[in-house]
């Protein structure tokens, strides 16, 4: 069983994903956890400290390098297959409930003035860093056309975020098979534009 601190953070994540920073009051968090509001202060000095702790956890989940496992790496000699496998794995990862909550928070808090909130740029830049390295290597080994690697990475990633927004954000529009199908079409089109 998880600790009270973990329960507080989990319920805060859930409330932030539904109502944003302003709508997730300490009273509502305490009610969701089933404790008195004052009990939260035994674990967190303030709402800001609590939310910052949740946002730090969120930031740590944005590093997607761990998705590139041996199964995907086995296809480095076939870049199109590599891209397809990674994309399917990425979308499946984004479709899990915690990732959907994180993305809803990012969308809700993008224009919030709360200083430590997570921004869309945080989510995109982590993924972009990985793909700049991968596409650089593909260029180095003459698997794809030599071009501005930052633009190549952005052109690959941007449609995936749109697909995420369209199919993997809310329970009402959750459709992983449709997302994967659209992403596969994107990968095919993208591959034909960069291959040698």
N, C-alpha and C. Protein backbone atom coordinates (compact mmCIF):
# COMPACT_ATOMS: atom_id res chain seq x y z
N UNK A 1 0.84 -1.18 0.00
CA UNK A 1 0.00 0.00 0.00
C UNK A 1 0.89 1.24 0.00
N UNK A 2 0.51 2.23 -0.73
CA UNK A 2 1.35 3.41 -0.84
C UNK A 2 1.17 4.32 0.37
N UNK A 3 2.16 5.16 0.59
CA UNK A 3 2.14 6.06 1.73
C UNK A 3 1.12 7.17 1.52
N UNK A 4 0.78 7.85 2.60
CA UNK A 4 -0.15 8.98 2.52
C UNK A 4 0.41 10.05 1.60
N UNK A 5 1.70 10.29 1.68
CA UNK A 5 2.34 11.28 0.80
C UNK A 5 2.12 10.92 -0.68
N UNK A 6 2.31 9.64 -1.01
CA UNK A 6 2.09 9.19 -2.39
C UNK A 6 0.63 9.34 -2.80
N UNK A 7 -0.29 9.02 -1.88
CA UNK A 7 -1.73 9.16 -2.18
C UNK A 7 -2.06 10.64 -2.43
N UNK A 8 -1.49 11.52 -1.62
CA UNK A 8 -1.73 12.96 -1.80
C UNK A 8 -1.25 13.39 -3.18
N UNK A 9 -0.05 12.94 -3.56
CA UNK A 9 0.49 13.32 -4.87
C UNK A 9 -0.35 12.74 -6.00
N UNK A 10 -0.80 11.50 -5.87
CA UNK A 10 -1.62 10.87 -6.91
C UNK A 10 -2.95 11.60 -7.08
N UNK A 11 -3.61 11.92 -5.98
CA UNK A 11 -4.89 12.63 -6.05
C UNK A 11 -4.69 14.05 -6.57
N UNK A 12 -3.56 14.65 -6.24
CA UNK A 12 -3.25 15.98 -6.77
C UNK A 12 -3.08 15.91 -8.28
N UNK A 13 -2.36 14.88 -8.75
CA UNK A 13 -2.20 14.68 -10.19
C UNK A 13 -3.56 14.55 -10.86
N UNK A 14 -4.43 13.73 -10.29
CA UNK A 14 -5.77 13.53 -10.87
C UNK A 14 -6.56 14.83 -10.91
N UNK A 15 -6.55 15.57 -9.82
CA UNK A 15 -7.30 16.83 -9.77
C UNK A 15 -6.70 17.89 -10.69
N UNK A 16 -5.38 17.95 -10.76
CA UNK A 16 -4.74 18.90 -11.68
C UNK A 16 -5.12 18.58 -13.12
N UNK A 17 -5.22 17.30 -13.44
CA UNK A 17 -5.55 16.91 -14.82
C UNK A 17 -7.00 17.23 -15.17
N UNK A 18 -7.85 17.31 -14.16
CA UNK A 18 -9.26 17.64 -14.41
C UNK A 18 -9.55 19.13 -14.29
N UNK A 19 -8.88 19.81 -13.35
CA UNK A 19 -9.27 21.18 -13.02
C UNK A 19 -8.15 22.21 -13.11
N UNK A 20 -6.92 21.76 -13.35
CA UNK A 20 -5.80 22.69 -13.38
C UNK A 20 -5.38 23.12 -11.98
N UNK A 21 -4.38 23.98 -11.93
CA UNK A 21 -3.81 24.43 -10.65
C UNK A 21 -4.84 25.12 -9.77
N UNK A 22 -5.56 26.04 -10.34
CA UNK A 22 -6.50 26.83 -9.55
C UNK A 22 -7.65 25.96 -9.04
N UNK A 23 -8.10 25.02 -9.83
CA UNK A 23 -9.23 24.18 -9.45
C UNK A 23 -8.90 23.05 -8.50
N UNK A 24 -7.62 22.79 -8.29
CA UNK A 24 -7.21 21.71 -7.38
C UNK A 24 -6.88 22.32 -6.02
N UNK A 25 -7.89 22.54 -5.20
CA UNK A 25 -7.68 23.16 -3.89
C UNK A 25 -7.17 22.12 -2.89
N UNK A 26 -6.54 22.60 -1.85
CA UNK A 26 -6.06 21.70 -0.80
C UNK A 26 -7.24 20.96 -0.17
N UNK A 27 -8.37 21.63 -0.04
CA UNK A 27 -9.57 21.00 0.53
C UNK A 27 -10.03 19.85 -0.37
N UNK A 28 -10.07 20.09 -1.69
CA UNK A 28 -10.53 19.02 -2.60
C UNK A 28 -9.52 17.87 -2.64
N UNK A 29 -8.24 18.18 -2.55
CA UNK A 29 -7.22 17.12 -2.51
C UNK A 29 -7.41 16.26 -1.26
N UNK A 30 -7.56 16.94 -0.11
CA UNK A 30 -7.76 16.21 1.15
C UNK A 30 -9.01 15.34 1.07
N UNK A 31 -10.08 15.87 0.51
CA UNK A 31 -11.32 15.10 0.37
C UNK A 31 -11.13 13.86 -0.48
N UNK A 32 -10.38 14.00 -1.57
CA UNK A 32 -10.11 12.85 -2.45
C UNK A 32 -9.26 11.79 -1.75
N UNK A 33 -8.32 12.24 -0.92
CA UNK A 33 -7.44 11.30 -0.21
C UNK A 33 -8.16 10.67 0.99
N UNK A 34 -9.13 11.43 1.54
CA UNK A 34 -9.85 10.94 2.71
C UNK A 34 -9.17 11.32 4.01
N UNK A 35 -8.52 12.49 4.00
CA UNK A 35 -7.85 13.00 5.20
C UNK A 35 -8.31 14.44 5.45
N UNK A 36 -7.98 14.95 6.61
CA UNK A 36 -8.26 16.36 6.89
C UNK A 36 -7.29 17.23 6.09
N UNK A 37 -7.75 18.40 5.73
CA UNK A 37 -6.90 19.32 4.96
C UNK A 37 -5.59 19.61 5.71
N UNK A 38 -5.67 19.77 7.02
CA UNK A 38 -4.47 20.08 7.82
C UNK A 38 -3.45 18.94 7.75
N UNK A 39 -3.90 17.71 7.50
CA UNK A 39 -2.98 16.57 7.43
C UNK A 39 -2.05 16.66 6.23
N UNK A 40 -2.49 17.34 5.18
CA UNK A 40 -1.62 17.51 4.01
C UNK A 40 -0.36 18.27 4.40
N UNK A 41 -0.51 19.22 5.32
CA UNK A 41 0.62 20.05 5.73
C UNK A 41 1.65 19.29 6.56
N UNK A 42 1.34 18.07 6.96
CA UNK A 42 2.36 17.22 7.59
C UNK A 42 3.35 16.70 6.55
N UNK A 43 2.93 16.75 5.27
CA UNK A 43 3.76 16.21 4.18
C UNK A 43 4.29 17.30 3.25
N UNK A 44 3.55 18.37 3.11
CA UNK A 44 3.92 19.47 2.21
C UNK A 44 3.64 20.80 2.91
N UNK A 45 4.60 21.70 2.86
CA UNK A 45 4.49 22.99 3.53
C UNK A 45 3.37 23.84 2.93
N UNK A 46 3.18 23.71 1.62
CA UNK A 46 2.20 24.56 0.93
C UNK A 46 1.67 23.85 -0.31
N UNK A 47 0.65 24.43 -0.89
CA UNK A 47 0.13 23.89 -2.15
C UNK A 47 1.21 23.98 -3.22
N UNK A 48 1.96 25.07 -3.24
CA UNK A 48 3.03 25.21 -4.23
C UNK A 48 4.05 24.09 -4.10
N UNK A 49 4.45 23.76 -2.88
CA UNK A 49 5.42 22.67 -2.70
C UNK A 49 4.83 21.34 -3.19
N UNK A 50 3.57 21.09 -2.88
CA UNK A 50 2.91 19.87 -3.32
C UNK A 50 2.85 19.81 -4.85
N UNK A 51 2.39 20.88 -5.46
CA UNK A 51 2.26 20.91 -6.92
C UNK A 51 3.63 20.81 -7.57
N UNK A 52 4.63 21.49 -7.02
CA UNK A 52 5.99 21.40 -7.57
C UNK A 52 6.52 19.97 -7.49
N UNK A 53 6.20 19.27 -6.41
CA UNK A 53 6.61 17.88 -6.26
C UNK A 53 5.94 17.01 -7.34
N UNK A 54 4.67 17.25 -7.58
CA UNK A 54 3.95 16.51 -8.64
C UNK A 54 4.55 16.85 -9.99
N UNK A 55 4.83 18.14 -10.24
CA UNK A 55 5.40 18.55 -11.53
C UNK A 55 6.80 17.97 -11.74
N UNK A 56 7.58 17.83 -10.67
CA UNK A 56 8.90 17.20 -10.80
C UNK A 56 8.74 15.73 -11.23
N UNK A 57 7.75 15.05 -10.64
CA UNK A 57 7.47 13.68 -11.06
C UNK A 57 7.06 13.65 -12.53
N UNK A 58 6.23 14.60 -12.93
CA UNK A 58 5.78 14.69 -14.32
C UNK A 58 6.97 14.88 -15.25
N UNK A 59 7.85 15.81 -14.91
CA UNK A 59 9.04 16.06 -15.75
C UNK A 59 9.88 14.80 -15.91
N UNK A 60 10.00 14.02 -14.84
CA UNK A 60 10.81 12.80 -14.92
C UNK A 60 10.18 11.77 -15.85
N UNK A 61 8.87 11.84 -16.05
CA UNK A 61 8.18 10.90 -16.94
C UNK A 61 8.22 11.34 -18.39
N UNK A 62 8.77 12.52 -18.67
CA UNK A 62 8.84 13.02 -20.04
C UNK A 62 10.04 12.47 -20.80
N UNK A 63 10.98 11.85 -20.10
CA UNK A 63 12.16 11.30 -20.75
C UNK A 63 11.80 9.97 -21.38
N UNK A 64 11.71 9.96 -22.70
CA UNK A 64 11.21 8.79 -23.42
C UNK A 64 12.30 7.91 -24.01
N UNK A 65 13.55 8.16 -23.64
CA UNK A 65 14.66 7.35 -24.15
C UNK A 65 14.45 5.90 -23.76
N UNK A 66 13.91 5.66 -22.59
CA UNK A 66 13.73 4.29 -22.11
C UNK A 66 12.79 3.47 -22.99
N UNK A 67 12.01 4.12 -23.84
CA UNK A 67 11.13 3.39 -24.76
C UNK A 67 11.91 2.70 -25.87
N UNK A 68 13.11 3.19 -26.12
CA UNK A 68 13.93 2.59 -27.18
C UNK A 68 14.66 1.40 -26.57
N UNK A 69 14.04 0.24 -26.68
CA UNK A 69 14.57 -0.98 -26.08
C UNK A 69 15.23 -1.85 -27.14
N UNK A 70 15.66 -3.05 -26.74
CA UNK A 70 16.37 -3.96 -27.65
C UNK A 70 15.52 -4.34 -28.86
N UNK A 71 14.22 -4.52 -28.65
CA UNK A 71 13.34 -4.88 -29.77
C UNK A 71 13.40 -3.81 -30.87
N UNK A 72 13.38 -2.56 -30.46
CA UNK A 72 13.44 -1.46 -31.43
C UNK A 72 14.85 -1.32 -31.98
N UNK A 73 15.85 -1.41 -31.12
CA UNK A 73 17.24 -1.26 -31.56
C UNK A 73 17.66 -2.34 -32.54
N UNK A 74 17.03 -3.51 -32.46
CA UNK A 74 17.33 -4.58 -33.41
C UNK A 74 17.01 -4.19 -34.85
N UNK A 75 16.24 -3.12 -35.04
CA UNK A 75 15.82 -2.70 -36.38
C UNK A 75 16.51 -1.42 -36.85
N UNK A 76 17.64 -1.10 -36.24
CA UNK A 76 18.38 0.10 -36.67
C UNK A 76 18.82 0.00 -38.13
N UNK A 77 19.04 -1.22 -38.60
CA UNK A 77 19.45 -1.38 -40.00
C UNK A 77 18.28 -1.20 -40.97
N UNK A 78 17.07 -1.13 -40.44
CA UNK A 78 15.86 -0.89 -41.23
C UNK A 78 15.15 0.32 -40.61
N UNK A 79 15.60 1.54 -40.96
CA UNK A 79 15.09 2.74 -40.30
C UNK A 79 13.57 2.91 -40.36
N UNK A 80 12.95 2.52 -41.46
CA UNK A 80 11.50 2.65 -41.56
C UNK A 80 10.81 1.79 -40.50
N UNK A 81 11.27 0.57 -40.36
CA UNK A 81 10.72 -0.35 -39.33
C UNK A 81 11.02 0.20 -37.93
N UNK A 82 12.21 0.74 -37.75
CA UNK A 82 12.61 1.35 -36.48
C UNK A 82 11.63 2.47 -36.12
N UNK A 83 11.34 3.34 -37.08
CA UNK A 83 10.42 4.46 -36.85
C UNK A 83 9.01 3.95 -36.53
N UNK A 84 8.57 2.94 -37.26
CA UNK A 84 7.23 2.38 -37.02
C UNK A 84 7.11 1.76 -35.63
N UNK A 85 8.10 0.98 -35.24
CA UNK A 85 8.07 0.34 -33.93
C UNK A 85 8.11 1.37 -32.80
N UNK A 86 8.99 2.35 -32.95
CA UNK A 86 9.07 3.37 -31.90
C UNK A 86 7.76 4.13 -31.80
N UNK A 87 7.19 4.50 -32.93
CA UNK A 87 5.95 5.27 -32.93
C UNK A 87 4.83 4.50 -32.25
N UNK A 88 4.69 3.22 -32.57
CA UNK A 88 3.65 2.40 -31.93
C UNK A 88 3.86 2.32 -30.43
N UNK A 89 5.11 2.13 -30.03
CA UNK A 89 5.42 2.03 -28.60
C UNK A 89 5.17 3.37 -27.89
N UNK A 90 5.53 4.46 -28.54
CA UNK A 90 5.31 5.79 -27.98
C UNK A 90 3.82 6.05 -27.77
N UNK A 91 3.02 5.76 -28.79
CA UNK A 91 1.58 6.00 -28.67
C UNK A 91 0.95 5.12 -27.60
N UNK A 92 1.38 3.87 -27.49
CA UNK A 92 0.86 3.00 -26.43
C UNK A 92 1.23 3.56 -25.06
N UNK A 93 2.44 4.09 -24.95
CA UNK A 93 2.88 4.73 -23.70
C UNK A 93 2.01 5.95 -23.40
N UNK A 94 1.80 6.79 -24.39
CA UNK A 94 0.97 7.99 -24.20
C UNK A 94 -0.48 7.66 -23.90
N UNK A 95 -0.95 6.48 -24.27
CA UNK A 95 -2.36 6.11 -24.07
C UNK A 95 -2.66 5.66 -22.64
N UNK A 96 -1.62 5.37 -21.84
CA UNK A 96 -1.93 4.94 -20.48
C UNK A 96 -2.47 6.11 -19.67
N UNK A 97 -3.28 5.80 -18.69
CA UNK A 97 -4.03 6.83 -17.95
C UNK A 97 -3.13 7.90 -17.33
N UNK A 98 -2.03 7.49 -16.75
CA UNK A 98 -1.15 8.48 -16.10
C UNK A 98 -0.57 9.45 -17.14
N UNK A 99 -0.17 8.93 -18.28
CA UNK A 99 0.37 9.80 -19.33
C UNK A 99 -0.71 10.73 -19.87
N UNK A 100 -1.94 10.25 -19.96
CA UNK A 100 -3.03 11.11 -20.42
C UNK A 100 -3.30 12.22 -19.42
N UNK A 101 -3.23 11.89 -18.12
CA UNK A 101 -3.39 12.92 -17.09
C UNK A 101 -2.27 13.96 -17.20
N UNK A 102 -1.05 13.48 -17.37
CA UNK A 102 0.09 14.39 -17.49
C UNK A 102 -0.10 15.33 -18.68
N UNK A 103 -0.52 14.80 -19.80
CA UNK A 103 -0.70 15.65 -20.99
C UNK A 103 -1.84 16.65 -20.79
N UNK A 104 -2.91 16.22 -20.12
CA UNK A 104 -4.01 17.17 -19.83
C UNK A 104 -3.51 18.30 -18.94
N UNK A 105 -2.65 17.97 -17.97
CA UNK A 105 -2.08 19.01 -17.11
C UNK A 105 -1.25 19.98 -17.95
N UNK A 106 -0.43 19.43 -18.82
CA UNK A 106 0.41 20.27 -19.68
C UNK A 106 -0.47 21.22 -20.49
N UNK A 107 -1.55 20.70 -21.05
CA UNK A 107 -2.45 21.55 -21.84
C UNK A 107 -3.15 22.59 -20.98
N UNK A 108 -3.63 22.19 -19.81
CA UNK A 108 -4.33 23.11 -18.92
C UNK A 108 -3.41 24.20 -18.37
N UNK A 109 -2.16 23.83 -18.10
CA UNK A 109 -1.25 24.76 -17.43
C UNK A 109 -0.34 25.54 -18.37
N UNK A 110 -0.45 25.33 -19.66
CA UNK A 110 0.45 25.99 -20.61
C UNK A 110 0.48 27.50 -20.43
N UNK A 111 -0.64 28.09 -20.14
CA UNK A 111 -0.69 29.55 -20.04
C UNK A 111 -0.87 30.04 -18.61
N UNK A 112 -0.65 29.17 -17.66
CA UNK A 112 -0.74 29.51 -16.25
C UNK A 112 0.53 30.26 -15.84
N UNK A 113 0.39 31.16 -14.94
CA UNK A 113 1.56 31.92 -14.48
C UNK A 113 2.30 31.23 -13.33
N UNK A 114 1.82 30.09 -12.89
CA UNK A 114 2.51 29.33 -11.84
C UNK A 114 3.91 29.01 -12.34
N UNK A 115 4.92 29.44 -11.63
CA UNK A 115 6.29 29.43 -12.15
C UNK A 115 6.89 28.07 -12.47
N UNK A 116 6.49 27.02 -11.79
CA UNK A 116 7.13 25.72 -12.01
C UNK A 116 6.26 24.74 -12.78
N UNK A 117 5.27 25.23 -13.47
CA UNK A 117 4.41 24.29 -14.19
C UNK A 117 5.15 23.67 -15.38
N UNK A 118 4.60 22.60 -15.87
CA UNK A 118 5.19 21.89 -17.00
C UNK A 118 4.60 22.46 -18.28
N UNK A 119 5.47 22.71 -19.24
CA UNK A 119 5.03 23.32 -20.50
C UNK A 119 5.09 22.31 -21.63
N UNK A 120 4.37 22.61 -22.69
CA UNK A 120 4.41 21.76 -23.88
C UNK A 120 5.85 21.63 -24.37
N UNK A 121 6.59 22.72 -24.30
CA UNK A 121 8.00 22.69 -24.72
C UNK A 121 8.80 21.64 -23.96
N UNK A 122 8.49 21.45 -22.68
CA UNK A 122 9.18 20.41 -21.89
C UNK A 122 8.96 19.03 -22.50
N UNK A 123 7.74 18.77 -22.88
CA UNK A 123 7.40 17.46 -23.46
C UNK A 123 8.03 17.27 -24.83
N UNK A 124 8.00 18.32 -25.64
CA UNK A 124 8.53 18.22 -27.00
C UNK A 124 10.05 18.17 -27.00
N UNK A 125 10.70 19.00 -26.19
CA UNK A 125 12.16 19.09 -26.24
C UNK A 125 12.85 17.79 -25.84
N UNK A 126 12.28 17.07 -24.86
CA UNK A 126 12.89 15.79 -24.45
C UNK A 126 12.88 14.80 -25.61
N UNK A 127 11.75 14.71 -26.28
CA UNK A 127 11.64 13.80 -27.41
C UNK A 127 12.50 14.27 -28.57
N UNK A 128 12.52 15.56 -28.79
CA UNK A 128 13.30 16.14 -29.88
C UNK A 128 14.80 15.85 -29.72
N UNK A 129 15.31 15.96 -28.50
CA UNK A 129 16.73 15.70 -28.24
C UNK A 129 17.11 14.28 -28.68
N UNK A 130 16.26 13.33 -28.37
CA UNK A 130 16.53 11.94 -28.74
C UNK A 130 16.55 11.79 -30.26
N UNK A 131 15.56 12.38 -30.93
CA UNK A 131 15.46 12.20 -32.37
C UNK A 131 16.51 12.97 -33.15
N UNK A 132 17.01 14.05 -32.60
CA UNK A 132 18.14 14.74 -33.24
C UNK A 132 19.33 13.79 -33.28
N UNK A 133 19.59 13.11 -32.19
CA UNK A 133 20.71 12.15 -32.14
C UNK A 133 20.48 11.00 -33.11
N UNK A 134 19.29 10.43 -33.12
CA UNK A 134 18.99 9.29 -33.99
C UNK A 134 19.10 9.69 -35.46
N UNK A 135 18.49 10.82 -35.84
CA UNK A 135 18.55 11.23 -37.24
C UNK A 135 19.96 11.65 -37.65
N UNK A 136 20.72 12.18 -36.73
CA UNK A 136 22.13 12.49 -37.01
C UNK A 136 22.89 11.22 -37.36
N UNK A 137 22.65 10.16 -36.58
CA UNK A 137 23.31 8.88 -36.86
C UNK A 137 22.86 8.30 -38.20
N UNK A 138 21.58 8.43 -38.49
CA UNK A 138 21.07 7.93 -39.78
C UNK A 138 21.72 8.68 -40.94
N UNK A 139 21.94 9.98 -40.77
CA UNK A 139 22.62 10.77 -41.81
C UNK A 139 24.08 10.34 -41.91
N UNK A 140 24.70 10.15 -40.77
CA UNK A 140 26.11 9.75 -40.73
C UNK A 140 26.34 8.44 -41.49
N UNK A 141 25.41 7.51 -41.34
CA UNK A 141 25.54 6.21 -42.01
C UNK A 141 24.82 6.17 -43.35
N UNK A 142 24.47 7.35 -43.84
CA UNK A 142 23.87 7.50 -45.17
C UNK A 142 22.60 6.65 -45.36
N UNK A 143 21.78 6.65 -44.33
CA UNK A 143 20.49 5.97 -44.41
C UNK A 143 19.39 6.93 -44.83
N UNK A 144 19.62 8.23 -44.56
CA UNK A 144 18.66 9.26 -44.94
C UNK A 144 19.40 10.44 -45.55
N UNK A 145 18.65 11.30 -46.22
CA UNK A 145 19.23 12.49 -46.85
C UNK A 145 19.85 13.39 -45.80
N UNK A 146 20.94 14.04 -46.18
CA UNK A 146 21.59 14.99 -45.29
C UNK A 146 20.78 16.29 -45.34
N UNK A 147 20.26 16.70 -44.19
CA UNK A 147 19.44 17.90 -44.06
C UNK A 147 19.65 18.49 -42.68
N UNK A 148 18.97 19.57 -42.40
CA UNK A 148 19.02 20.15 -41.06
C UNK A 148 18.34 19.17 -40.10
N UNK A 149 19.12 18.58 -39.21
CA UNK A 149 18.63 17.50 -38.35
C UNK A 149 17.55 17.99 -37.38
N UNK A 150 17.64 19.23 -36.95
CA UNK A 150 16.61 19.78 -36.05
C UNK A 150 15.26 19.82 -36.75
N UNK A 151 15.27 20.25 -38.01
CA UNK A 151 14.02 20.32 -38.77
C UNK A 151 13.48 18.92 -39.01
N UNK A 152 14.35 17.99 -39.34
CA UNK A 152 13.92 16.61 -39.55
C UNK A 152 13.25 16.06 -38.28
N UNK A 153 13.89 16.27 -37.14
CA UNK A 153 13.32 15.79 -35.87
C UNK A 153 11.97 16.45 -35.59
N UNK A 154 11.90 17.76 -35.79
CA UNK A 154 10.63 18.47 -35.56
C UNK A 154 9.53 17.98 -36.50
N UNK A 155 9.88 17.75 -37.75
CA UNK A 155 8.89 17.28 -38.73
C UNK A 155 8.40 15.88 -38.40
N UNK A 156 9.25 15.09 -37.77
CA UNK A 156 8.83 13.75 -37.37
C UNK A 156 7.93 13.82 -36.13
N UNK A 157 8.30 14.64 -35.16
CA UNK A 157 7.63 14.67 -33.87
C UNK A 157 6.30 15.44 -33.89
N UNK A 158 6.24 16.56 -34.57
CA UNK A 158 5.05 17.43 -34.51
C UNK A 158 3.75 16.68 -34.85
N UNK A 159 3.70 15.91 -35.92
CA UNK A 159 2.45 15.19 -36.20
C UNK A 159 2.09 14.17 -35.12
N UNK A 160 3.09 13.61 -34.45
CA UNK A 160 2.81 12.65 -33.38
C UNK A 160 2.11 13.34 -32.21
N UNK A 161 2.51 14.57 -31.90
CA UNK A 161 1.84 15.32 -30.84
C UNK A 161 0.41 15.67 -31.24
N UNK A 162 0.21 15.97 -32.50
CA UNK A 162 -1.15 16.25 -32.97
C UNK A 162 -2.01 14.99 -32.85
N UNK A 163 -1.46 13.85 -33.24
CA UNK A 163 -2.18 12.58 -33.11
C UNK A 163 -2.49 12.31 -31.64
N UNK A 164 -1.53 12.59 -30.78
CA UNK A 164 -1.76 12.42 -29.33
C UNK A 164 -2.91 13.30 -28.87
N UNK A 165 -2.89 14.52 -29.28
CA UNK A 165 -3.94 15.46 -28.90
C UNK A 165 -5.30 14.99 -29.41
N UNK A 166 -5.32 14.50 -30.61
CA UNK A 166 -6.58 14.10 -31.25
C UNK A 166 -7.17 12.81 -30.67
N UNK A 167 -6.34 11.81 -30.41
CA UNK A 167 -6.85 10.49 -30.04
C UNK A 167 -6.53 10.02 -28.63
N UNK A 168 -5.59 10.65 -27.95
CA UNK A 168 -5.13 10.08 -26.68
C UNK A 168 -5.21 11.03 -25.49
N UNK A 169 -6.04 12.05 -25.57
CA UNK A 169 -6.08 13.02 -24.48
C UNK A 169 -7.20 12.74 -23.48
N UNK A 170 -8.40 12.53 -23.95
CA UNK A 170 -9.52 12.34 -23.03
C UNK A 170 -10.09 10.94 -23.16
N UNK A 171 -10.90 10.57 -22.18
CA UNK A 171 -11.55 9.26 -22.23
C UNK A 171 -12.55 9.21 -23.38
N UNK A 172 -13.15 10.35 -23.72
CA UNK A 172 -14.18 10.40 -24.76
C UNK A 172 -13.61 10.09 -26.14
N UNK A 173 -12.37 10.52 -26.39
CA UNK A 173 -11.82 10.30 -27.73
C UNK A 173 -10.65 9.32 -27.75
N UNK A 174 -10.49 8.53 -26.70
CA UNK A 174 -9.38 7.58 -26.63
C UNK A 174 -9.55 6.50 -27.69
N UNK A 175 -8.60 6.44 -28.62
CA UNK A 175 -8.67 5.45 -29.70
C UNK A 175 -7.24 5.13 -30.15
N UNK A 176 -6.60 4.23 -29.40
CA UNK A 176 -5.21 3.86 -29.69
C UNK A 176 -5.06 3.24 -31.08
N UNK A 177 -5.92 2.31 -31.50
CA UNK A 177 -5.75 1.74 -32.85
C UNK A 177 -5.81 2.81 -33.96
N UNK A 178 -6.72 3.75 -33.82
CA UNK A 178 -6.82 4.82 -34.82
C UNK A 178 -5.57 5.69 -34.78
N UNK A 179 -5.07 5.97 -33.58
CA UNK A 179 -3.86 6.77 -33.43
C UNK A 179 -2.67 6.06 -34.08
N UNK A 180 -2.54 4.77 -33.84
CA UNK A 180 -1.43 4.01 -34.42
C UNK A 180 -1.55 3.97 -35.94
N UNK A 181 -2.75 3.77 -36.43
CA UNK A 181 -2.96 3.75 -37.88
C UNK A 181 -2.56 5.09 -38.52
N UNK A 182 -2.99 6.18 -37.91
CA UNK A 182 -2.64 7.50 -38.45
C UNK A 182 -1.13 7.75 -38.34
N UNK A 183 -0.54 7.30 -37.25
CA UNK A 183 0.91 7.47 -37.07
C UNK A 183 1.69 6.64 -38.08
N UNK A 184 1.21 5.46 -38.40
CA UNK A 184 1.88 4.63 -39.41
C UNK A 184 1.83 5.32 -40.78
N UNK A 185 0.72 5.94 -41.09
CA UNK A 185 0.61 6.70 -42.34
C UNK A 185 1.61 7.85 -42.34
N UNK A 186 1.72 8.53 -41.20
CA UNK A 186 2.70 9.61 -41.06
C UNK A 186 4.12 9.09 -41.27
N UNK A 187 4.46 7.97 -40.63
CA UNK A 187 5.81 7.42 -40.75
C UNK A 187 6.11 7.05 -42.19
N UNK A 188 5.16 6.42 -42.87
CA UNK A 188 5.37 6.06 -44.28
C UNK A 188 5.66 7.31 -45.12
N UNK A 189 4.83 8.32 -44.95
CA UNK A 189 5.02 9.57 -45.71
C UNK A 189 6.36 10.22 -45.35
N UNK A 190 6.63 10.28 -44.06
CA UNK A 190 7.87 10.89 -43.58
C UNK A 190 9.09 10.14 -44.12
N UNK A 191 9.03 8.81 -44.05
CA UNK A 191 10.16 8.00 -44.51
C UNK A 191 10.45 8.26 -45.99
N UNK A 192 9.42 8.34 -46.81
CA UNK A 192 9.63 8.59 -48.23
C UNK A 192 10.24 9.96 -48.49
N UNK A 193 10.04 10.89 -47.59
CA UNK A 193 10.61 12.23 -47.79
C UNK A 193 12.06 12.34 -47.32
N UNK A 194 12.53 11.41 -46.48
CA UNK A 194 13.91 11.52 -45.98
C UNK A 194 14.85 10.44 -46.47
N UNK A 195 14.31 9.33 -46.97
CA UNK A 195 15.18 8.21 -47.35
C UNK A 195 16.04 8.59 -48.56
N UNK A 196 17.17 7.92 -48.66
CA UNK A 196 18.04 8.12 -49.84
C UNK A 196 17.56 7.31 -51.00
